[in-house]
């Protein structure tokens, strides 16, 4: 059986799919619950996503000022690199933007950073904040369109998605 959040499942006919409210699961897990489920062989205390940026100042401004992520630390000439570390509340999830010294990001295809928000009202508040800065949604894959997401691009062209539900793996 496919998860209701499986992108392939999102292609199913509306007639065979559960109503939208029934497809979305939301929940908050305590730190204890999260630790109990974490693989014993991988005792990670935090997760950091690092993105190289050819438009470093603009990209930091986008995540810091437009989206509103707090800056945890900046560094200059650390092993030859400049960067900014932004974080989510609690400090266990980080986004690091590193100045790309030469060529722009060579990526292609799907490259998304997804923020799972508790509900549509929270997503609408983010949309209003972004609109106030002049940011506009961009075309997005059908999965986000059908499941209450909205997609923007950062200054490097990478997609940032705000979903109006919190993803839970199947069986959660």
Foldseek 3Di string as FASTA:
>chain_A
DDQLLDPVVLPDDPVPDDPLVVNFDADDDDPVRVVVPDDPVDPQQAEEAEDEAQPQVQLCCCVCPQQNFAWPDWDDCPVHWTWTWTDDPPRRYIYIYIYDPDDGDPDDDAAEAEDEAQALVVVVVSVVSNVVVVWDFDDDDSSCVVNAKTWTAGPSGHIYIYGGGDDDPPPD
